[in-house]
Amino acid sequence: MQLSERIHKRIMKQGEEVFGMLEEYDKTREWPMGRERIYITLDEKVLKKLKALKKRTEKPISRIIEDKFV
């Protein structure tokens, strides 16, 4: 059975997220599940830059922000 390119990319993206979680566990010995939703207000320019970075890196904006502080 041959997978379409779209399905293949989706599976690889999901695997990347799981791999990142396992890597974080190896570093800290804690599961990175302790996340909390917050609401913030950002300048339009900042939001546009974050959305462009999201599109380029294919990471959620929350992960981009977390990576800057971890």
PDB file of N, CA and C in Angstrom:
ATOM      1  N   MET A   1       0.838  -1.178   0.000  1.00  0.00           N
ATOM      2  CA  MET A   1       0.000   0.000   0.000  1.00  0.00           C
ATOM      3  C   MET A   1       0.887   1.247   0.000  1.00  0.00           C
ATOM      4  N   GLN A   2       0.652   2.143  -0.922  1.00  0.00           N
ATOM      5  CA  GLN A   2       1.448   3.347  -1.037  1.00  0.00           C
ATOM      6  C   GLN A   2       0.674   4.524  -0.433  1.00  0.00           C
ATOM      7  N   LEU A   3       1.371   5.316   0.409  1.00  0.00           N
ATOM      8  CA  LEU A   3       0.734   6.460   1.052  1.00  0.00           C
ATOM      9  C   LEU A   3       0.839   7.690   0.162  1.00  0.00           C
ATOM     10  N   SER A   4      -0.188   8.499   0.199  1.00  0.00           N
ATOM     11  CA  SER A   4      -0.106   9.761  -0.530  1.00  0.00           C
ATOM     12  C   SER A   4       0.883  10.669   0.200  1.00  0.00           C
ATOM     13  N   GLU A   5       1.402  11.643  -0.507  1.00  0.00           N
ATOM     14  CA  GLU A   5       2.390  12.548   0.078  1.00  0.00           C
ATOM     15  C   GLU A   5       1.791  13.318   1.258  1.00  0.00           C
ATOM     16  N   ARG A   6       0.528  13.700   1.145  1.00  0.00           N
ATOM     17  CA  ARG A   6      -0.142  14.451   2.221  1.00  0.00           C
ATOM     18  C   ARG A   6      -0.220  13.624   3.501  1.00  0.00           C
ATOM     19  N   ILE A   7      -0.611  12.362   3.367  1.00  0.00           N
ATOM     20  CA  ILE A   7      -0.718  11.479   4.530  1.00  0.00           C
ATOM     21  C   ILE A   7       0.667  11.224   5.117  1.00  0.00           C
ATOM     22  N   HIS A   8       1.648  11.034   4.254  1.00  0.00           N
ATOM     23  CA  HIS A   8       3.015  10.793   4.707  1.00  0.00           C
ATOM     24  C   HIS A   8       3.517  11.985   5.531  1.00  0.00           C
ATOM     25  N   LYS A   9       3.293  13.215   5.051  1.00  0.00           N
ATOM     26  CA  LYS A   9       3.726  14.411   5.781  1.00  0.00           C
ATOM     27  C   LYS A   9       3.026  14.519   7.127  1.00  0.00           C
ATOM     28  N   ARG A  10       1.728  14.183   7.166  1.00  0.00           N
ATOM     29  CA  ARG A  10       0.981  14.255   8.423  1.00  0.00           C
ATOM     30  C   ARG A  10       1.538  13.272   9.446  1.00  0.00           C
ATOM     31  N   ILE A  11       1.825  12.067   9.019  1.00  0.00           N
ATOM     32  CA  ILE A  11       2.389  11.051   9.916  1.00  0.00           C
ATOM     33  C   ILE A  11       3.753  11.487  10.419  1.00  0.00           C
ATOM     34  N   MET A  12       4.585  12.010   9.542  1.00  0.00           N
ATOM     35  CA  MET A  12       5.923  12.459   9.931  1.00  0.00           C
ATOM     36  C   MET A  12       5.840  13.625  10.916  1.00  0.00           C
ATOM     37  N   LYS A  13       4.885  14.528  10.698  1.00  0.00           N
ATOM     38  CA  LYS A  13       4.729  15.672  11.597  1.00  0.00           C
ATOM     39  C   LYS A  13       4.304  15.194  12.986  1.00  0.00           C
ATOM     40  N   GLN A  14       3.373  14.249  13.050  1.00  0.00           N
ATOM     41  CA  GLN A  14       2.928  13.703  14.332  1.00  0.00           C
ATOM     42  C   GLN A  14       4.092  12.992  15.022  1.00  0.00           C
ATOM     43  N   GLY A  15       4.881  12.244  14.271  1.00  0.00           N
ATOM     44  CA  GLY A  15       6.026  11.555  14.838  1.00  0.00           C
ATOM     45  C   GLY A  15       7.055  12.527  15.371  1.00  0.00           C
ATOM     46  N   GLU A  16       7.238  13.657  14.682  1.00  0.00           N
ATOM     47  CA  GLU A  16       8.198  14.670  15.119  1.00  0.00           C
ATOM     48  C   GLU A  16       7.795  15.237  16.477  1.00  0.00           C
ATOM     49  N   GLU A  17       6.505  15.475  16.658  1.00  0.00           N
ATOM     50  CA  GLU A  17       6.019  16.015  17.926  1.00  0.00           C
ATOM     51  C   GLU A  17       6.252  15.008  19.062  1.00  0.00           C
ATOM     52  N   VAL A  18       5.964  13.754  18.810  1.00  0.00           N
ATOM     53  CA  VAL A  18       6.172  12.718  19.823  1.00  0.00           C
ATOM     54  C   VAL A  18       7.655  12.585  20.138  1.00  0.00           C
ATOM     55  N   PHE A  19       8.490  12.610  19.104  1.00  0.00           N
ATOM     56  CA  PHE A  19       9.931  12.533  19.319  1.00  0.00           C
ATOM     57  C   PHE A  19      10.416  13.695  20.177  1.00  0.00           C
ATOM     58  N   GLY A  20       9.891  14.891  19.914  1.00  0.00           N
ATOM     59  CA  GLY A  20      10.248  16.060  20.719  1.00  0.00           C
ATOM     60  C   GLY A  20       9.849  15.887  22.176  1.00  0.00           C
ATOM     61  N   MET A  21       8.681  15.291  22.405  1.00  0.00           N
ATOM     62  CA  MET A  21       8.233  15.042  23.780  1.00  0.00           C
ATOM     63  C   MET A  21       9.163  14.049  24.470  1.00  0.00           C
ATOM     64  N   LEU A  22       9.561  12.996  23.768  1.00  0.00           N
ATOM     65  CA  LEU A  22      10.469  12.009  24.352  1.00  0.00           C
ATOM     66  C   LEU A  22      11.839  12.623  24.628  1.00  0.00           C
ATOM     67  N   GLU A  23      12.292  13.488  23.736  1.00  0.00           N
ATOM     68  CA  GLU A  23      13.573  14.162  23.930  1.00  0.00           C
ATOM     69  C   GLU A  23      13.526  15.051  25.170  1.00  0.00           C
ATOM     70  N   GLU A  24      12.428  15.766  25.350  1.00  0.00           N
ATOM     71  CA  GLU A  24      12.251  16.616  26.528  1.00  0.00           C
ATOM     72  C   GLU A  24      12.230  15.771  27.803  1.00  0.00           C
ATOM     73  N   TYR A  25      11.580  14.613  27.747  1.00  0.00           N
ATOM     74  CA  TYR A  25      11.543  13.726  28.905  1.00  0.00           C
ATOM     75  C   TYR A  25      12.955  13.240  29.256  1.00  0.00           C
ATOM     76  N   ASP A  26      13.754  12.913  28.231  1.00  0.00           N
ATOM     77  CA  ASP A  26      15.127  12.482  28.481  1.00  0.00           C
ATOM     78  C   ASP A  26      15.943  13.558  29.190  1.00  0.00           C
ATOM     79  N   LYS A  27      15.704  14.823  28.827  1.00  0.00           N
ATOM     80  CA  LYS A  27      16.447  15.928  29.430  1.00  0.00           C
ATOM     81  C   LYS A  27      16.015  16.205  30.864  1.00  0.00           C
ATOM     82  N   THR A  28      14.700  16.230  31.087  1.00  0.00           N
ATOM     83  CA  THR A  28      14.170  16.704  32.369  1.00  0.00           C
ATOM     84  C   THR A  28      13.595  15.624  33.264  1.00  0.00           C
ATOM     85  N   ARG A  29      13.361  14.437  32.709  1.00  0.00           N
ATOM     86  CA  ARG A  29      12.698  13.340  33.423  1.00  0.00           C
ATOM     87  C   ARG A  29      11.282  13.714  33.851  1.00  0.00           C
ATOM     88  N   GLU A  30      10.693  14.663  33.129  1.00  0.00           N
ATOM     89  CA  GLU A  30       9.301  15.052  33.348  1.00  0.00           C
ATOM     90  C   GLU A  30       8.605  15.101  31.998  1.00  0.00           C
ATOM     91  N   TRP A  31       7.366  14.637  31.970  1.00  0.00           N
ATOM     92  CA  TRP A  31       6.607  14.690  30.723  1.00  0.00           C
ATOM     93  C   TRP A  31       6.189  16.120  30.449  1.00  0.00           C
ATOM     94  N   PRO A  32       6.352  16.585  29.226  1.00  0.00           N
ATOM     95  CA  PRO A  32       6.000  17.981  28.904  1.00  0.00           C
ATOM     96  C   PRO A  32       4.501  18.169  28.683  1.00  0.00           C
ATOM     97  N   MET A  33       3.714  17.646  29.575  1.00  0.00           N
ATOM     98  CA  MET A  33       2.263  17.753  29.436  1.00  0.00           C
ATOM     99  C   MET A  33       1.696  18.897  30.268  1.00  0.00           C
ATOM    100  N   GLY A  34       2.495  19.475  31.134  1.00  0.00           N
ATOM    101  CA  GLY A  34       2.014  20.521  32.024  1.00  0.00           C
ATOM    102  C   GLY A  34       1.877  21.847  31.283  1.00  0.00           C
ATOM    103  N   ARG A  35       0.933  21.937  30.405  1.00  0.00           N
ATOM    104  CA  ARG A  35       0.727  23.143  29.611  1.00  0.00           C
ATOM    105  C   ARG A  35      -0.541  23.837  30.085  1.00  0.00           C
ATOM    106  N   GLU A  36      -0.544  25.151  29.948  1.00  0.00           N
ATOM    107  CA  GLU A  36      -1.699  25.924  30.372  1.00  0.00           C
ATOM    108  C   GLU A  36      -2.024  26.950  29.292  1.00  0.00           C
ATOM    109  N   ARG A  37      -3.284  27.130  29.019  1.00  0.00           N
ATOM    110  CA  ARG A  37      -3.718  28.100  28.006  1.00  0.00           C
ATOM    111  C   ARG A  37      -3.772  29.486  28.636  1.00  0.00           C
ATOM    112  N   ILE A  38      -3.185  30.459  27.937  1.00  0.00           N
ATOM    113  CA  ILE A  38      -3.262  31.846  28.382  1.00  0.00           C
ATOM    114  C   ILE A  38      -3.727  32.702  27.210  1.00  0.00           C
ATOM    115  N   TYR A  39      -4.213  33.861  27.501  1.00  0.00           N
ATOM    116  CA  TYR A  39      -4.664  34.786  26.474  1.00  0.00           C
ATOM    117  C   TYR A  39      -3.822  36.051  26.574  1.00  0.00           C
ATOM    118  N   ILE A  40      -3.215  36.438  25.461  1.00  0.00           N
ATOM    119  CA  ILE A  40      -2.363  37.626  25.446  1.00  0.00           C
ATOM    120  C   ILE A  40      -2.749  38.501  24.254  1.00  0.00           C
ATOM    121  N   THR A  41      -2.369  39.757  24.341  1.00  0.00           N
ATOM    122  CA  THR A  41      -2.610  40.699  23.260  1.00  0.00           C
ATOM    123  C   THR A  41      -1.259  41.046  22.648  1.00  0.00           C
ATOM    124  N   LEU A  42      -1.167  40.920  21.322  1.00  0.00           N
ATOM    125  CA  LEU A  42       0.083  41.200  20.622  1.00  0.00           C
ATOM    126  C   LEU A  42      -0.138  42.287  19.577  1.00  0.00           C
ATOM    127  N   ASP A  43       0.916  43.014  19.302  1.00  0.00           N
ATOM    128  CA  ASP A  43       0.913  43.994  18.230  1.00  0.00           C
ATOM    129  C   ASP A  43       0.713  43.272  16.895  1.00  0.00           C
ATOM    130  N   GLU A  44       0.039  43.920  15.959  1.00  0.00           N
ATOM    131  CA  GLU A  44      -0.234  43.300  14.657  1.00  0.00           C
ATOM    132  C   GLU A  44       1.040  42.865  13.942  1.00  0.00           C
ATOM    133  N   LYS A  45       2.086  43.693  14.022  1.00  0.00           N
ATOM    134  CA  LYS A  45       3.352  43.370  13.363  1.00  0.00           C
ATOM    135  C   LYS A  45       3.964  42.101  13.943  1.00  0.00           C
ATOM    136  N   VAL A  46       3.905  41.978  15.254  1.00  0.00           N
ATOM    137  CA  VAL A  46       4.445  40.797  15.915  1.00  0.00           C
ATOM    138  C   VAL A  46       3.657  39.558  15.513  1.00  0.00           C
ATOM    139  N   LEU A  47       2.348  39.691  15.489  1.00  0.00           N
ATOM    140  CA  LEU A  47       1.496  38.562  15.123  1.00  0.00           C
ATOM    141  C   LEU A  47       1.754  38.126  13.679  1.00  0.00           C
ATOM    142  N   LYS A  48       1.926  39.069  12.767  1.00  0.00           N
ATOM    143  CA  LYS A  48       2.230  38.733  11.372  1.00  0.00           C
ATOM    144  C   LYS A  48       3.559  37.984  11.269  1.00  0.00           C
ATOM    145  N   LYS A  49       4.555  38.441  12.037  1.00  0.00           N
ATOM    146  CA  LYS A  49       5.861  37.765  12.028  1.00  0.00           C
ATOM    147  C   LYS A  49       5.736  36.343  12.575  1.00  0.00           C
ATOM    148  N   LEU A  50       4.965  36.188  13.648  1.00  0.00           N
ATOM    149  CA  LEU A  50       4.775  34.853  14.218  1.00  0.00           C
ATOM    150  C   LEU A  50       4.061  33.925  13.238  1.00  0.00           C
ATOM    151  N   LYS A  51       3.053  34.444  12.541  1.00  0.00           N
ATOM    152  CA  LYS A  51       2.329  33.623  11.569  1.00  0.00           C
ATOM    153  C   LYS A  51       3.227  33.231  10.397  1.00  0.00           C
ATOM    154  N   ALA A  52       4.098  34.150   9.958  1.00  0.00           N
ATOM    155  CA  ALA A  52       5.029  33.828   8.875  1.00  0.00           C
ATOM    156  C   ALA A  52       6.023  32.759   9.330  1.00  0.00           C
ATOM    157  N   LEU A  53       6.498  32.894  10.563  1.00  0.00           N
ATOM    158  CA  LEU A  53       7.426  31.903  11.113  1.00  0.00           C
ATOM    159  C   LEU A  53       6.740  30.553  11.276  1.00  0.00           C
ATOM    160  N   LYS A  54       5.474  30.569  11.669  1.00  0.00           N
ATOM    161  CA  LYS A  54       4.688  29.340  11.794  1.00  0.00           C
ATOM    162  C   LYS A  54       4.588  28.634  10.453  1.00  0.00           C
ATOM    163  N   LYS A  55       4.310  29.402   9.422  1.00  0.00           N
ATOM    164  CA  LYS A  55       4.180  28.818   8.083  1.00  0.00           C
ATOM    165  C   LYS A  55       5.519  28.248   7.606  1.00  0.00           C
ATOM    166  N   ARG A  56       6.601  28.969   7.877  1.00  0.00           N
ATOM    167  CA  ARG A  56       7.924  28.550   7.426  1.00  0.00           C
ATOM    168  C   ARG A  56       8.425  27.315   8.174  1.00  0.00           C
ATOM    169  N   THR A  57       8.190  27.267   9.488  1.00  0.00           N
ATOM    170  CA  THR A  57       8.713  26.167  10.299  1.00  0.00           C
ATOM    171  C   THR A  57       7.722  25.032  10.493  1.00  0.00           C
ATOM    172  N   GLU A  58       6.443  25.296  10.168  1.00  0.00           N
ATOM    173  CA  GLU A  58       5.372  24.318  10.383  1.00  0.00           C
ATOM    174  C   GLU A  58       5.241  23.927  11.861  1.00  0.00           C
ATOM    175  N   LYS A  59       5.515  24.884  12.748  1.00  0.00           N
ATOM    176  CA  LYS A  59       5.338  24.689  14.184  1.00  0.00           C
ATOM    177  C   LYS A  59       4.206  25.590  14.647  1.00  0.00           C
ATOM    178  N   PRO A  60       3.454  25.165  15.658  1.00  0.00           N
ATOM    179  CA  PRO A  60       2.430  26.048  16.221  1.00  0.00           C
ATOM    180  C   PRO A  60       3.083  27.276  16.871  1.00  0.00           C
ATOM    181  N   ILE A  61       2.365  28.373  16.898  1.00  0.00           N
ATOM    182  CA  ILE A  61       2.897  29.605  17.482  1.00  0.00           C
ATOM    183  C   ILE A  61       3.286  29.390  18.942  1.00  0.00           C
ATOM    184  N   SER A  62       2.508  28.611  19.668  1.00  0.00           N
ATOM    185  CA  SER A  62       2.847  28.375  21.078  1.00  0.00           C
ATOM    186  C   SER A  62       4.208  27.695  21.215  1.00  0.00           C
ATOM    187  N   ARG A  63       4.529  26.760  20.322  1.00  0.00           N
ATOM    188  CA  ARG A  63       5.839  26.084  20.360  1.00  0.00           C
ATOM    189  C   ARG A  63       6.960  27.048  20.016  1.00  0.00           C
ATOM    190  N   ILE A  64       6.707  27.941  19.065  1.00  0.00           N
ATOM    191  CA  ILE A  64       7.723  28.925  18.696  1.00  0.00           C
ATOM    192  C   ILE A  64       8.053  29.805  19.893  1.00  0.00           C
ATOM    193  N   ILE A  65       7.021  30.249  20.590  1.00  0.00           N
ATOM    194  CA  ILE A  65       7.222  31.097  21.766  1.00  0.00           C
ATOM    195  C   ILE A  65       7.938  30.322  22.863  1.00  0.00           C
ATOM    196  N   GLU A  66       7.508  29.079  23.116  1.00  0.00           N
ATOM    197  CA  GLU A  66       8.148  28.265  24.154  1.00  0.00           C
ATOM    198  C   GLU A  66       9.629  28.046  23.848  1.00  0.00           C
ATOM    199  N   ASP A  67       9.952  27.792  22.595  1.00  0.00           N
ATOM    200  CA  ASP A  67      11.343  27.533  22.223  1.00  0.00           C
ATOM    201  C   ASP A  67      12.245  28.729  22.513  1.00  0.00           C
ATOM    202  N   LYS A  68      11.699  29.924  22.475  1.00  0.00           N
ATOM    203  CA  LYS A  68      12.485  31.121  22.744  1.00  0.00           C
ATOM    204  C   LYS A  68      12.835  31.248  24.227  1.00  0.00           C
ATOM    205  N   PHE A  69      12.074  30.603  25.100  1.00  0.00           N
ATOM    206  CA  PHE A  69      12.279  30.742  26.535  1.00  0.00           C
ATOM    207  C   PHE A  69      12.850  29.490  27.193  1.00  0.00           C
ATOM    208  N   VAL A  70      12.919  28.409  26.485  1.00  0.00           N
ATOM    209  CA  VAL A  70      13.411  27.152  27.085  1.00  0.00           C
ATOM    210  C   VAL A  70      14.852  26.936  26.732  1.00  0.00           C
TER     211      VAL A  70
END
